[in-house]
Amino acid sequence: MSKISYKDAGVDIDEGARFVEEIKPFVTSTFDKNVIGGIGSFAGAYELPTGYKKPVILGATDGVGTKLKLAIEAKKFDTVGIDLVAMCVNDLICNFATPMFFLDYFATSKLKVDEASSIVKGISEGCIQSECALIGGETAEMPGMYAKDDFDLAGFAVGIAEKDELDRVSRVKEGDMLIALPSSGIHSNGYSLVRKLFFEKLGMNFDDMIEGKKLIDILLEPTKIYVKTFKRLKENINALAHITGGGITENLPRALPKELKAVVKKDSIKTLPIFEYMREYIEEEEMYKTFNMGVGMVLIVDTNSVDTVLENSDGYIIGEIQKGEREVQLI
C-alpha cells in the first residue's frame, strides 16, 4: 500500500504558508505603536495604552451569519471582513470601550489563497476604519467539515475603558434625546429572512436592480463602523445602543434603566430603500424587530449636547426618553 500525505487528505500546508505571506502587508498596515512584534508568533502582543486611571479590558466576539452564504454564492469576498470587525467593535463602544486589537478565525473546507487573502484584506480595512490593530488570527482548513466552497468567519475584539465610565445606563434620564446614526444597509443580521424573501419567494437574481443598484451590491454593503464618531463625541454621549438582531425594539432597551422608556417616531427614521422594498412583503412589526431600518446606532444624548452631536456627525433626532416601563414605544 502506498503512503499518503496530509495534502492527500485535503490539507495543503504549503498553501497555508503562502497565504500567511500574502496577508502580511494587510495585517501590518493595521499596526499601531502598541503592537509588540510582528505576525507569525504563537500569540499577538499588545501594550496597554497609558493615561487610564482605572483601566478595564472588555471583549466582544461575533460572526457575519448567513450573509457569508451570499458572499460565497456571488464570489465576492472583499466586504465580509469589514462586517466581521464592525459587529465586534460597534458592540465595544456601547460599553464605552476604545478598541485596541482584533483577532480573526477563518475556517474552510479548502484554502483558496486568493479568496482568503481578499477576506483578510477586508478584515484589515475594518481594523483601519476602527483604529484597532489586527494582531493575530487562525486559518483552519478542514475538509469534510464544510461543504465544498463554504467557509466561516468569527472575530474577537478587545477594548479598554475607564472603570468609572462603564455604567452608561445610570446616566440616562428623562428628557434625553435619541439620535440615530444611519446604517449603510442591512448590516449583518436578518439574512436568513433576506435570502428567503429575495431568492425563494421573489425568485430574484443578484443582478436585478433596486433603486439603480444591483441587488447583490446592496445586500453585501459592509456594516458601518462607528468607532471614530464615538471617539469624537464620547464626552457628549450618555449611552449607546448598537442596532443589530432584534432591531431598535430589542436593542435600545439594553441602554435604559428600568423606569424609563424610549419613544421613537417612526416617521423620523430615514428608512433606506432596501427596507422600503422589503416592507411590502414583511409585516411592519417583523421588520422593526429584525432589521435596523436604516439606523445603525442610537445615541442617547443630554439636551445640552444635542447640537454638538448633530454638528459633528451624520446623526439626526428620532425621539426622546420618557418615564415608563423599560421598552421602546414606536409612534
C-alpha atoms as a PDB file:
ATOM      1  CA  MET A   1       0.000   0.000   0.000  1.00  0.00           C
ATOM      2  CA  SER A   2       1.382   3.430  -0.976  1.00  0.00           C
ATOM      3  CA  LYS A   3       1.873   6.065   1.687  1.00  0.00           C
ATOM      4  CA  ILE A   4      -0.369   9.114   1.859  1.00  0.00           C
ATOM      5  CA  SER A   5       0.231  12.712   2.872  1.00  0.00           C
ATOM      6  CA  TYR A   6      -1.673  15.495   4.621  1.00  0.00           C
ATOM      7  CA  LYS A   7      -2.238  17.013   1.169  1.00  0.00           C
ATOM      8  CA  ASP A   8      -3.881  13.771   0.062  1.00  0.00           C
ATOM      9  CA  ALA A   9      -6.292  14.243   2.977  1.00  0.00           C
ATOM     10  CA  GLY A  10      -7.215  17.694   1.694  1.00  0.00           C
ATOM     11  CA  VAL A  11      -4.904  19.971   3.702  1.00  0.00           C
ATOM     12  CA  ASP A  12      -2.079  21.783   1.898  1.00  0.00           C
ATOM     13  CA  ILE A  13       0.479  23.117   4.385  1.00  0.00           C
ATOM     14  CA  ASP A  14       2.455  24.859   1.634  1.00  0.00           C
ATOM     15  CA  GLU A  15      -0.608  26.828   0.560  1.00  0.00           C
ATOM     16  CA  GLY A  16      -1.136  27.803   4.174  1.00  0.00           C
ATOM     17  CA  ALA A  17       2.377  29.195   4.337  1.00  0.00           C
ATOM     18  CA  ARG A  18       1.861  31.085   1.075  1.00  0.00           C
ATOM     19  CA  PHE A  19      -1.361  32.545   2.466  1.00  0.00           C
ATOM     20  CA  VAL A  20       0.470  33.931   5.500  1.00  0.00           C
ATOM     21  CA  GLU A  21       2.953  35.681   3.217  1.00  0.00           C
ATOM     22  CA  GLU A  22       0.122  37.089   1.087  1.00  0.00           C
ATOM     23  CA  ILE A  23      -1.676  38.701   4.010  1.00  0.00           C
ATOM     24  CA  LYS A  24       1.331  40.155   5.847  1.00  0.00           C
ATOM     25  CA  PRO A  25       1.061  43.589   4.154  1.00  0.00           C
ATOM     26  CA  PHE A  26      -2.634  43.843   5.012  1.00  0.00           C
ATOM     27  CA  VAL A  27      -2.110  42.841   8.624  1.00  0.00           C
ATOM     28  CA  THR A  28       0.887  45.083   9.294  1.00  0.00           C
ATOM     29  CA  SER A  29      -0.968  48.071   7.823  1.00  0.00           C
ATOM     30  CA  THR A  30      -3.223  47.954  10.911  1.00  0.00           C
ATOM     31  CA  PHE A  31      -0.404  48.069  13.464  1.00  0.00           C
ATOM     32  CA  ASP A  32      -0.067  50.982  15.851  1.00  0.00           C
ATOM     33  CA  LYS A  33       2.634  51.933  18.350  1.00  0.00           C
ATOM     34  CA  ASN A  34       1.272  49.479  20.941  1.00  0.00           C
ATOM     35  CA  VAL A  35       1.751  46.343  18.840  1.00  0.00           C
ATOM     36  CA  ILE A  36       4.752  44.352  20.020  1.00  0.00           C
ATOM     37  CA  GLY A  37       6.489  42.198  17.428  1.00  0.00           C
ATOM     38  CA  GLY A  38       5.050  41.140  14.102  1.00  0.00           C
ATOM     39  CA  ILE A  39       2.942  38.224  12.923  1.00  0.00           C
ATOM     40  CA  GLY A  40       3.851  34.575  12.938  1.00  0.00           C
ATOM     41  CA  SER A  41       4.353  34.019  16.640  1.00  0.00           C
ATOM     42  CA  PHE A  42       2.096  31.853  18.799  1.00  0.00           C
ATOM     43  CA  ALA A  43       0.216  34.853  20.183  1.00  0.00           C
ATOM     44  CA  GLY A  44      -0.165  38.535  19.424  1.00  0.00           C
ATOM     45  CA  ALA A  45       1.226  41.069  21.891  1.00  0.00           C
ATOM     46  CA  TYR A  46      -0.203  44.490  22.602  1.00  0.00           C
ATOM     47  CA  GLU A  47       0.995  47.031  25.150  1.00  0.00           C
ATOM     48  CA  LEU A  48      -1.793  48.643  27.165  1.00  0.00           C
ATOM     49  CA  PRO A  49      -2.262  52.353  26.388  1.00  0.00           C
ATOM     50  CA  THR A  50      -1.286  54.799  29.121  1.00  0.00           C
ATOM     51  CA  GLY A  51      -3.389  57.559  30.633  1.00  0.00           C
ATOM     52  CA  TYR A  52      -6.121  55.453  32.222  1.00  0.00           C
ATOM     53  CA  LYS A  53      -6.788  55.808  35.964  1.00  0.00           C
ATOM     54  CA  LYS A  54      -8.711  52.556  36.396  1.00  0.00           C
ATOM     55  CA  PRO A  55      -8.334  50.669  33.109  1.00  0.00           C
ATOM     56  CA  VAL A  56     -10.754  47.846  32.363  1.00  0.00           C
ATOM     57  CA  ILE A  57     -10.397  45.383  29.494  1.00  0.00           C
ATOM     58  CA  LEU A  58     -13.527  44.480  27.534  1.00  0.00           C
ATOM     59  CA  GLY A  59     -14.017  41.821  24.871  1.00  0.00           C
ATOM     60  CA  ALA A  60     -16.606  41.253  22.160  1.00  0.00           C
ATOM     61  CA  THR A  61     -16.986  38.389  19.714  1.00  0.00           C
ATOM     62  CA  ASP A  62     -19.255  37.827  16.736  1.00  0.00           C
ATOM     63  CA  GLY A  63     -19.580  36.469  13.235  1.00  0.00           C
ATOM     64  CA  VAL A  64     -21.228  37.539   9.993  1.00  0.00           C
ATOM     65  CA  GLY A  65     -24.050  34.999   9.854  1.00  0.00           C
ATOM     66  CA  THR A  66     -25.671  33.834   6.629  1.00  0.00           C
ATOM     67  CA  LYS A  67     -24.530  36.968   4.826  1.00  0.00           C
ATOM     68  CA  LEU A  68     -21.483  34.788   4.194  1.00  0.00           C
ATOM     69  CA  LYS A  69     -23.619  32.497   2.053  1.00  0.00           C
ATOM     70  CA  LEU A  70     -24.384  35.349  -0.307  1.00  0.00           C
ATOM     71  CA  ALA A  71     -20.703  36.287  -0.494  1.00  0.00           C
ATOM     72  CA  ILE A  72     -19.815  32.706  -1.363  1.00  0.00           C
ATOM     73  CA  GLU A  73     -22.529  32.388  -3.995  1.00  0.00           C
ATOM     74  CA  ALA A  74     -21.646  35.751  -5.540  1.00  0.00           C
ATOM     75  CA  LYS A  75     -17.898  35.057  -5.248  1.00  0.00           C
ATOM     76  CA  LYS A  76     -17.471  38.495  -3.712  1.00  0.00           C
ATOM     77  CA  PHE A  77     -15.191  38.344  -0.697  1.00  0.00           C
ATOM     78  CA  ASP A  78     -13.883  41.872  -0.158  1.00  0.00           C
ATOM     79  CA  THR A  79     -16.575  43.183   2.196  1.00  0.00           C
ATOM     80  CA  VAL A  80     -17.448  40.469   4.725  1.00  0.00           C
ATOM     81  CA  GLY A  81     -14.204  41.055   6.610  1.00  0.00           C
ATOM     82  CA  ILE A  82     -15.313  44.616   7.295  1.00  0.00           C
ATOM     83  CA  ASP A  83     -18.626  43.222   8.562  1.00  0.00           C
ATOM     84  CA  LEU A  84     -16.773  40.924  10.923  1.00  0.00           C
ATOM     85  CA  VAL A  85     -14.805  43.720  12.547  1.00  0.00           C
ATOM     86  CA  ALA A  86     -17.808  46.055  12.638  1.00  0.00           C
ATOM     87  CA  MET A  87     -20.028  43.637  14.533  1.00  0.00           C
ATOM     88  CA  CYS A  88     -17.437  43.377  17.303  1.00  0.00           C
ATOM     89  CA  VAL A  89     -16.135  46.936  17.639  1.00  0.00           C
ATOM     90  CA  ASN A  90     -19.608  48.501  17.403  1.00  0.00           C
ATOM     91  CA  ASP A  91     -20.554  46.434  20.437  1.00  0.00           C
ATOM     92  CA  LEU A  92     -17.440  47.502  22.351  1.00  0.00           C
ATOM     93  CA  ILE A  93     -18.137  51.205  22.061  1.00  0.00           C
ATOM     94  CA  CYS A  94     -21.604  50.707  23.557  1.00  0.00           C
ATOM     95  CA  ASN A  95     -19.746  49.954  26.788  1.00  0.00           C
ATOM     96  CA  PHE A  96     -17.506  52.985  26.246  1.00  0.00           C
ATOM     97  CA  ALA A  97     -14.510  50.856  25.335  1.00  0.00           C
ATOM     98  CA  THR A  98     -11.980  52.049  22.777  1.00  0.00           C
ATOM     99  CA  PRO A  99     -10.996  49.112  20.527  1.00  0.00           C
ATOM    100  CA  MET A 100      -7.340  48.126  20.787  1.00  0.00           C
ATOM    101  CA  PHE A 101      -6.870  44.949  18.806  1.00  0.00           C
ATOM    102  CA  PHE A 102      -8.677  42.258  16.828  1.00  0.00           C
ATOM    103  CA  LEU A 103      -8.213  38.560  16.075  1.00  0.00           C
ATOM    104  CA  ASP A 104      -9.992  36.511  13.432  1.00  0.00           C
ATOM    105  CA  TYR A 105     -10.823  32.849  12.847  1.00  0.00           C
ATOM    106  CA  PHE A 106     -11.293  31.659   9.263  1.00  0.00           C
ATOM    107  CA  ALA A 107     -12.345  28.048   8.684  1.00  0.00           C
ATOM    108  CA  THR A 108     -12.833  26.492   5.266  1.00  0.00           C
ATOM    109  CA  SER A 109     -13.091  23.148   3.534  1.00  0.00           C
ATOM    110  CA  LYS A 110     -10.295  24.033   1.101  1.00  0.00           C
ATOM    111  CA  LEU A 111      -7.956  27.007   1.386  1.00  0.00           C
ATOM    112  CA  LYS A 112      -8.106  29.194  -1.718  1.00  0.00           C
ATOM    113  CA  VAL A 113      -5.389  31.742  -1.188  1.00  0.00           C
ATOM    114  CA  ASP A 114      -6.812  34.490  -3.411  1.00  0.00           C
ATOM    115  CA  GLU A 115     -10.251  34.325  -1.796  1.00  0.00           C
ATOM    116  CA  ALA A 116      -8.869  34.069   1.726  1.00  0.00           C
ATOM    117  CA  SER A 117      -6.496  36.988   1.118  1.00  0.00           C
ATOM    118  CA  SER A 118      -9.413  39.122  -0.057  1.00  0.00           C
ATOM    119  CA  ILE A 119     -11.259  38.307   3.163  1.00  0.00           C
ATOM    120  CA  VAL A 120      -8.282  39.224   5.346  1.00  0.00           C
ATOM    121  CA  LYS A 121      -7.783  42.408   3.347  1.00  0.00           C
ATOM    122  CA  GLY A 122     -11.373  43.282   4.283  1.00  0.00           C
ATOM    123  CA  ILE A 123     -10.693  42.492   7.931  1.00  0.00           C
ATOM    124  CA  SER A 124      -7.657  44.757   7.791  1.00  0.00           C
ATOM    125  CA  GLU A 125      -9.740  47.530   6.247  1.00  0.00           C
ATOM    126  CA  GLY A 126     -12.275  47.133   9.059  1.00  0.00           C
ATOM    127  CA  CYS A 127      -9.468  47.418  11.599  1.00  0.00           C
ATOM    128  CA  ILE A 128      -8.136  50.557   9.937  1.00  0.00           C
ATOM    129  CA  GLN A 129     -11.618  52.100   9.981  1.00  0.00           C
ATOM    130  CA  SER A 130     -11.982  51.267  13.683  1.00  0.00           C
ATOM    131  CA  GLU A 131      -8.400  52.239  14.532  1.00  0.00           C
ATOM    132  CA  CYS A 132      -7.516  48.900  16.069  1.00  0.00           C
ATOM    133  CA  ALA A 133      -4.708  46.501  15.249  1.00  0.00           C
ATOM    134  CA  LEU A 134      -5.107  43.058  13.695  1.00  0.00           C
ATOM    135  CA  ILE A 135      -2.560  41.213  15.830  1.00  0.00           C
ATOM    136  CA  GLY A 136      -3.365  37.600  15.003  1.00  0.00           C
ATOM    137  CA  GLY A 137      -5.731  35.011  13.669  1.00  0.00           C
ATOM    138  CA  GLU A 138      -6.247  31.388  12.817  1.00  0.00           C
ATOM    139  CA  THR A 139      -6.848  29.754   9.452  1.00  0.00           C
ATOM    140  CA  ALA A 140      -8.266  26.246   9.581  1.00  0.00           C
ATOM    141  CA  GLU A 141      -8.510  24.022   6.533  1.00  0.00           C
ATOM    142  CA  MET A 142     -10.999  21.296   7.437  1.00  0.00           C
ATOM    143  CA  PRO A 143     -12.107  19.041   4.575  1.00  0.00           C
ATOM    144  CA  GLY A 144     -15.234  17.110   5.456  1.00  0.00           C
ATOM    145  CA  MET A 145     -16.368  19.705   7.985  1.00  0.00           C
ATOM    146  CA  TYR A 146     -17.655  22.225   5.445  1.00  0.00           C
ATOM    147  CA  ALA A 147     -19.267  21.820   2.042  1.00  0.00           C
ATOM    148  CA  LYS A 148     -17.034  22.345  -0.974  1.00  0.00           C
ATOM    149  CA  ASP A 149     -16.958  26.151  -1.214  1.00  0.00           C
ATOM    150  CA  ASP A 150     -18.210  27.035   2.253  1.00  0.00           C
ATOM    151  CA  PHE A 151     -16.270  28.837   4.935  1.00  0.00           C
ATOM    152  CA  ASP A 152     -16.981  30.513   8.240  1.00  0.00           C
ATOM    153  CA  LEU A 153     -15.695  33.624   9.945  1.00  0.00           C
ATOM    154  CA  ALA A 154     -15.543  34.628  13.571  1.00  0.00           C
ATOM    155  CA  GLY A 155     -13.832  37.540  15.245  1.00  0.00           C
ATOM    156  CA  PHE A 156     -12.811  38.796  18.659  1.00  0.00           C
ATOM    157  CA  ALA A 157     -12.123  42.427  19.579  1.00  0.00           C
ATOM    158  CA  VAL A 158     -10.575  43.749  22.776  1.00  0.00           C
ATOM    159  CA  GLY A 159     -11.017  47.300  24.030  1.00  0.00           C
ATOM    160  CA  ILE A 160     -10.063  49.419  27.005  1.00  0.00           C
ATOM    161  CA  ALA A 161     -12.205  51.726  29.127  1.00  0.00           C
ATOM    162  CA  GLU A 162     -12.188  53.653  32.360  1.00  0.00           C
ATOM    163  CA  LYS A 163     -13.940  51.648  35.054  1.00  0.00           C
ATOM    164  CA  ASP A 164     -15.935  54.704  36.149  1.00  0.00           C
ATOM    165  CA  GLU A 165     -17.304  55.129  32.606  1.00  0.00           C
ATOM    166  CA  LEU A 166     -18.685  51.613  32.148  1.00  0.00           C
ATOM    167  CA  ASP A 167     -22.109  52.160  33.674  1.00  0.00           C
ATOM    168  CA  ARG A 168     -23.943  54.082  30.963  1.00  0.00           C
ATOM    169  CA  VAL A 169     -27.474  53.077  31.966  1.00  0.00           C
ATOM    170  CA  SER A 170     -27.369  55.135  35.166  1.00  0.00           C
ATOM    171  CA  ARG A 171     -26.551  58.250  33.126  1.00  0.00           C
ATOM    172  CA  VAL A 172     -29.737  58.067  31.057  1.00  0.00           C
ATOM    173  CA  LYS A 173     -32.503  60.369  32.278  1.00  0.00           C
ATOM    174  CA  GLU A 174     -35.924  61.637  31.336  1.00  0.00           C
ATOM    175  CA  GLY A 175     -35.745  64.223  28.584  1.00  0.00           C
ATOM    176  CA  ASP A 176     -32.606  62.865  26.922  1.00  0.00           C
ATOM    177  CA  MET A 177     -32.804  62.833  23.138  1.00  0.00           C
ATOM    178  CA  LEU A 178     -32.398  59.850  20.829  1.00  0.00           C
ATOM    179  CA  ILE A 179     -30.049  60.498  17.924  1.00  0.00           C
ATOM    180  CA  ALA A 180     -29.848  57.958  15.112  1.00  0.00           C
ATOM    181  CA  LEU A 181     -26.605  57.300  13.251  1.00  0.00           C
ATOM    182  CA  PRO A 182     -27.511  55.993   9.777  1.00  0.00           C
ATOM    183  CA  SER A 183     -26.711  52.431   8.797  1.00  0.00           C
ATOM    184  CA  SER A 184     -25.036  51.636   5.495  1.00  0.00           C
ATOM    185  CA  GLY A 185     -27.621  48.990   4.713  1.00  0.00           C
ATOM    186  CA  ILE A 186     -28.879  45.757   6.230  1.00  0.00           C
ATOM    187  CA  HIS A 187     -25.527  45.358   8.035  1.00  0.00           C
ATOM    188  CA  SER A 188     -25.041  41.745   9.241  1.00  0.00           C
ATOM    189  CA  ASN A 189     -28.244  40.356  10.684  1.00  0.00           C
ATOM    190  CA  GLY A 190     -31.557  39.073   9.362  1.00  0.00           C
ATOM    191  CA  TYR A 191     -30.003  37.487   6.291  1.00  0.00           C
ATOM    192  CA  SER A 192     -31.853  34.199   6.613  1.00  0.00           C
ATOM    193  CA  LEU A 193     -35.056  36.193   6.124  1.00  0.00           C
ATOM    194  CA  VAL A 194     -33.433  38.325   3.408  1.00  0.00           C
ATOM    195  CA  ARG A 195     -32.377  35.275   1.417  1.00  0.00           C
ATOM    196  CA  LYS A 196     -35.769  33.616   1.804  1.00  0.00           C
ATOM    197  CA  LEU A 197     -37.586  36.735   0.597  1.00  0.00           C
ATOM    198  CA  PHE A 198     -35.475  37.701  -2.387  1.00  0.00           C
ATOM    199  CA  PHE A 199     -34.316  34.350  -3.706  1.00  0.00           C
ATOM    200  CA  GLU A 200     -37.022  31.886  -2.648  1.00  0.00           C
ATOM    201  CA  LYS A 201     -40.251  33.906  -2.521  1.00  0.00           C
ATOM    202  CA  LEU A 202     -39.486  36.520  -5.192  1.00  0.00           C
ATOM    203  CA  GLY A 203     -37.090  34.448  -7.300  1.00  0.00           C
ATOM    204  CA  MET A 204     -34.772  37.402  -7.891  1.00  0.00           C
ATOM    205  CA  ASN A 205     -31.222  37.317  -9.235  1.00  0.00           C
ATOM    206  CA  PHE A 206     -28.059  39.010  -7.991  1.00  0.00           C
ATOM    207  CA  ASP A 207     -28.027  41.416 -10.954  1.00  0.00           C
ATOM    208  CA  ASP A 208     -31.614  42.597 -10.530  1.00  0.00           C
ATOM    209  CA  MET A 209     -31.772  46.332  -9.891  1.00  0.00           C
ATOM    210  CA  ILE A 210     -33.323  48.195  -6.946  1.00  0.00           C
ATOM    211  CA  GLU A 211     -33.124  51.996  -6.966  1.00  0.00           C
ATOM    212  CA  GLY A 212     -30.358  51.880  -9.568  1.00  0.00           C
ATOM    213  CA  LYS A 213     -28.128  49.399  -7.744  1.00  0.00           C
ATOM    214  CA  LYS A 214     -27.581  45.676  -8.205  1.00  0.00           C
ATOM    215  CA  LEU A 215     -29.309  43.616  -5.550  1.00  0.00           C
ATOM    216  CA  ILE A 216     -26.139  41.746  -4.590  1.00  0.00           C
ATOM    217  CA  ASP A 217     -24.229  45.008  -4.086  1.00  0.00           C
ATOM    218  CA  ILE A 218     -26.977  46.283  -1.789  1.00  0.00           C
ATOM    219  CA  LEU A 219     -27.042  43.054   0.199  1.00  0.00           C
ATOM    220  CA  LEU A 220     -23.259  42.851   0.567  1.00  0.00           C
ATOM    221  CA  GLU A 221     -22.784  46.509   1.503  1.00  0.00           C
ATOM    222  CA  PRO A 222     -20.486  46.272   4.553  1.00  0.00           C
ATOM    223  CA  THR A 223     -21.618  47.201   8.038  1.00  0.00           C
ATOM    224  CA  LYS A 224     -20.826  50.770   9.008  1.00  0.00           C
ATOM    225  CA  ILE A 225     -18.224  51.231  11.744  1.00  0.00           C
ATOM    226  CA  TYR A 226     -18.964  53.943  14.302  1.00  0.00           C
ATOM    227  CA  VAL A 227     -15.728  53.986  16.316  1.00  0.00           C
ATOM    228  CA  LYS A 228     -14.385  57.305  15.039  1.00  0.00           C
ATOM    229  CA  THR A 229     -17.726  59.012  15.682  1.00  0.00           C
ATOM    230  CA  PHE A 230     -17.736  57.563  19.200  1.00  0.00           C
ATOM    231  CA  LYS A 231     -14.215  58.822  19.919  1.00  0.00           C
ATOM    232  CA  ARG A 232     -15.072  62.267  18.631  1.00  0.00           C
ATOM    233  CA  LEU A 233     -18.281  62.609  20.659  1.00  0.00           C
ATOM    234  CA  LYS A 234     -17.917  60.360  23.700  1.00  0.00           C
ATOM    235  CA  GLU A 235     -17.937  63.295  26.140  1.00  0.00           C
ATOM    236  CA  ASN A 236     -21.370  64.242  24.788  1.00  0.00           C
ATOM    237  CA  ILE A 237     -22.958  60.795  24.916  1.00  0.00           C
ATOM    238  CA  ASN A 238     -24.829  59.313  27.871  1.00  0.00           C
ATOM    239  CA  ALA A 239     -25.348  55.871  26.319  1.00  0.00           C
ATOM    240  CA  LEU A 240     -25.298  54.000  23.016  1.00  0.00           C
ATOM    241  CA  ALA A 241     -27.172  51.076  21.515  1.00  0.00           C
ATOM    242  CA  HIS A 242     -25.883  49.049  18.553  1.00  0.00           C
ATOM    243  CA  ILE A 243     -28.895  48.135  16.407  1.00  0.00           C
ATOM    244  CA  THR A 244     -28.322  44.545  15.308  1.00  0.00           C
ATOM    245  CA  GLY A 245     -30.502  41.424  15.505  1.00  0.00           C
ATOM    246  CA  GLY A 246     -33.711  42.360  17.271  1.00  0.00           C
ATOM    247  CA  GLY A 247     -33.746  45.820  15.716  1.00  0.00           C
ATOM    248  CA  ILE A 248     -34.448  49.023  17.592  1.00  0.00           C
ATOM    249  CA  THR A 249     -37.171  47.417  19.707  1.00  0.00           C
ATOM    250  CA  GLU A 250     -34.844  44.811  21.249  1.00  0.00           C
ATOM    251  CA  ASN A 251     -31.514  46.631  21.400  1.00  0.00           C
ATOM    252  CA  LEU A 252     -32.356  50.117  22.604  1.00  0.00           C
ATOM    253  CA  PRO A 253     -33.851  48.910  25.930  1.00  0.00           C
ATOM    254  CA  ARG A 254     -30.437  47.444  26.813  1.00  0.00           C
ATOM    255  CA  ALA A 255     -29.233  51.020  27.324  1.00  0.00           C
ATOM    256  CA  LEU A 256     -32.167  52.082  29.529  1.00  0.00           C
ATOM    257  CA  PRO A 257     -32.862  51.972  33.279  1.00  0.00           C
ATOM    258  CA  LYS A 258     -35.997  50.064  34.245  1.00  0.00           C
ATOM    259  CA  GLU A 259     -38.066  53.192  34.961  1.00  0.00           C
ATOM    260  CA  LEU A 260     -37.546  54.875  31.566  1.00  0.00           C
ATOM    261  CA  LYS A 261     -38.719  54.152  28.036  1.00  0.00           C
ATOM    262  CA  ALA A 262     -37.574  55.270  24.605  1.00  0.00           C
ATOM    263  CA  VAL A 263     -40.233  56.916  22.471  1.00  0.00           C
ATOM    264  CA  VAL A 264     -39.253  56.659  18.795  1.00  0.00           C
ATOM    265  CA  LYS A 265     -41.079  58.466  15.999  1.00  0.00           C
ATOM    266  CA  LYS A 266     -41.207  56.095  13.049  1.00  0.00           C
ATOM    267  CA  ASP A 267     -41.741  58.961  10.609  1.00  0.00           C
ATOM    268  CA  SER A 268     -38.442  60.473  11.741  1.00  0.00           C
ATOM    269  CA  ILE A 269     -36.428  57.412  10.722  1.00  0.00           C
ATOM    270  CA  LYS A 270     -34.686  57.814   7.377  1.00  0.00           C
ATOM    271  CA  THR A 271     -35.545  54.361   6.145  1.00  0.00           C
ATOM    272  CA  LEU A 272     -33.285  53.040   3.400  1.00  0.00           C
ATOM    273  CA  PRO A 273     -34.784  51.973   0.032  1.00  0.00           C
ATOM    274  CA  ILE A 274     -33.988  48.296   0.620  1.00  0.00           C
ATOM    275  CA  PHE A 275     -36.188  48.289   3.729  1.00  0.00           C
ATOM    276  CA  GLU A 276     -38.981  50.124   1.931  1.00  0.00           C
ATOM    277  CA  TYR A 277     -38.839  47.391  -0.701  1.00  0.00           C
ATOM    278  CA  MET A 278     -38.933  44.572   1.844  1.00  0.00           C
ATOM    279  CA  ARG A 279     -41.769  46.002   3.920  1.00  0.00           C
ATOM    280  CA  GLU A 280     -44.140  45.295   1.022  1.00  0.00           C
ATOM    281  CA  TYR A 281     -43.701  41.590   1.771  1.00  0.00           C
ATOM    282  CA  ILE A 282     -42.936  41.528   5.513  1.00  0.00           C
ATOM    283  CA  GLU A 283     -45.155  42.722   8.359  1.00  0.00           C
ATOM    284  CA  GLU A 284     -44.049  46.037   9.864  1.00  0.00           C
ATOM    285  CA  GLU A 285     -43.652  44.618  13.370  1.00  0.00           C
ATOM    286  CA  GLU A 286     -41.443  41.868  11.981  1.00  0.00           C
ATOM    287  CA  MET A 287     -39.347  44.431  10.128  1.00  0.00           C
ATOM    288  CA  TYR A 288     -38.703  46.525  13.225  1.00  0.00           C
ATOM    289  CA  LYS A 289     -37.722  43.570  15.393  1.00  0.00           C
ATOM    290  CA  THR A 290     -35.467  42.022  12.739  1.00  0.00           C
ATOM    291  CA  PHE A 291     -33.723  44.845  10.865  1.00  0.00           C
ATOM    292  CA  ASN A 292     -32.081  48.166  11.692  1.00  0.00           C
ATOM    293  CA  MET A 293     -34.436  50.012   9.290  1.00  0.00           C
ATOM    294  CA  GLY A 294     -31.672  52.484   8.434  1.00  0.00           C
ATOM    295  CA  VAL A 295     -30.461  53.111  11.991  1.00  0.00           C
ATOM    296  CA  GLY A 296     -27.118  51.508  12.812  1.00  0.00           C
ATOM    297  CA  MET A 297     -26.538  53.072  16.204  1.00  0.00           C
ATOM    298  CA  VAL A 298     -28.673  55.118  18.603  1.00  0.00           C
ATOM    299  CA  LEU A 299     -27.025  57.714  20.820  1.00  0.00           C
ATOM    300  CA  ILE A 300     -28.775  58.850  23.996  1.00  0.00           C
ATOM    301  CA  VAL A 301     -27.762  62.457  24.497  1.00  0.00           C
ATOM    302  CA  ASP A 302     -28.445  65.200  27.043  1.00  0.00           C
ATOM    303  CA  THR A 303     -30.412  68.094  25.559  1.00  0.00           C
ATOM    304  CA  ASN A 304     -27.438  70.424  26.127  1.00  0.00           C
ATOM    305  CA  SER A 305     -25.249  68.223  23.912  1.00  0.00           C
ATOM    306  CA  VAL A 306     -27.662  67.641  21.026  1.00  0.00           C
ATOM    307  CA  ASP A 307     -26.379  70.473  18.834  1.00  0.00           C
ATOM    308  CA  THR A 308     -22.761  69.400  19.290  1.00  0.00           C
ATOM    309  CA  VAL A 309     -23.559  65.810  18.343  1.00  0.00           C
ATOM    310  CA  LEU A 310     -25.599  66.802  15.296  1.00  0.00           C
ATOM    311  CA  GLU A 311     -22.925  69.216  14.085  1.00  0.00           C
ATOM    312  CA  ASN A 312     -20.161  66.611  14.369  1.00  0.00           C
ATOM    313  CA  SER A 313     -21.902  63.549  12.951  1.00  0.00           C
ATOM    314  CA  ASP A 314     -24.421  62.493  10.327  1.00  0.00           C
ATOM    315  CA  GLY A 315     -26.940  61.813  13.088  1.00  0.00           C
ATOM    316  CA  TYR A 316     -30.500  63.063  13.399  1.00  0.00           C
ATOM    317  CA  ILE A 317     -33.162  63.051  16.147  1.00  0.00           C
ATOM    318  CA  ILE A 318     -35.682  60.201  16.201  1.00  0.00           C
ATOM    319  CA  GLY A 319     -37.214  60.532  19.674  1.00  0.00           C
ATOM    320  CA  GLU A 320     -36.672  61.026  23.370  1.00  0.00           C
ATOM    321  CA  ILE A 321     -36.506  59.326  26.757  1.00  0.00           C
ATOM    322  CA  GLN A 322     -39.684  59.437  28.867  1.00  0.00           C
ATOM    323  CA  LYS A 323     -40.889  57.951  32.140  1.00  0.00           C
ATOM    324  CA  GLY A 324     -42.352  54.490  31.821  1.00  0.00           C
ATOM    325  CA  GLU A 325     -41.519  50.813  31.854  1.00  0.00           C
ATOM    326  CA  ARG A 326     -38.258  49.971  30.076  1.00  0.00           C
ATOM    327  CA  GLU A 327     -39.202  49.463  26.432  1.00  0.00           C
ATOM    328  CA  VAL A 328     -39.256  51.085  23.033  1.00  0.00           C
ATOM    329  CA  GLN A 329     -42.507  52.756  22.077  1.00  0.00           C
ATOM    330  CA  LEU A 330     -42.832  53.261  18.326  1.00  0.00           C
ATOM    331  CA  ILE A 331     -45.261  56.014  17.457  1.00  0.00           C
END
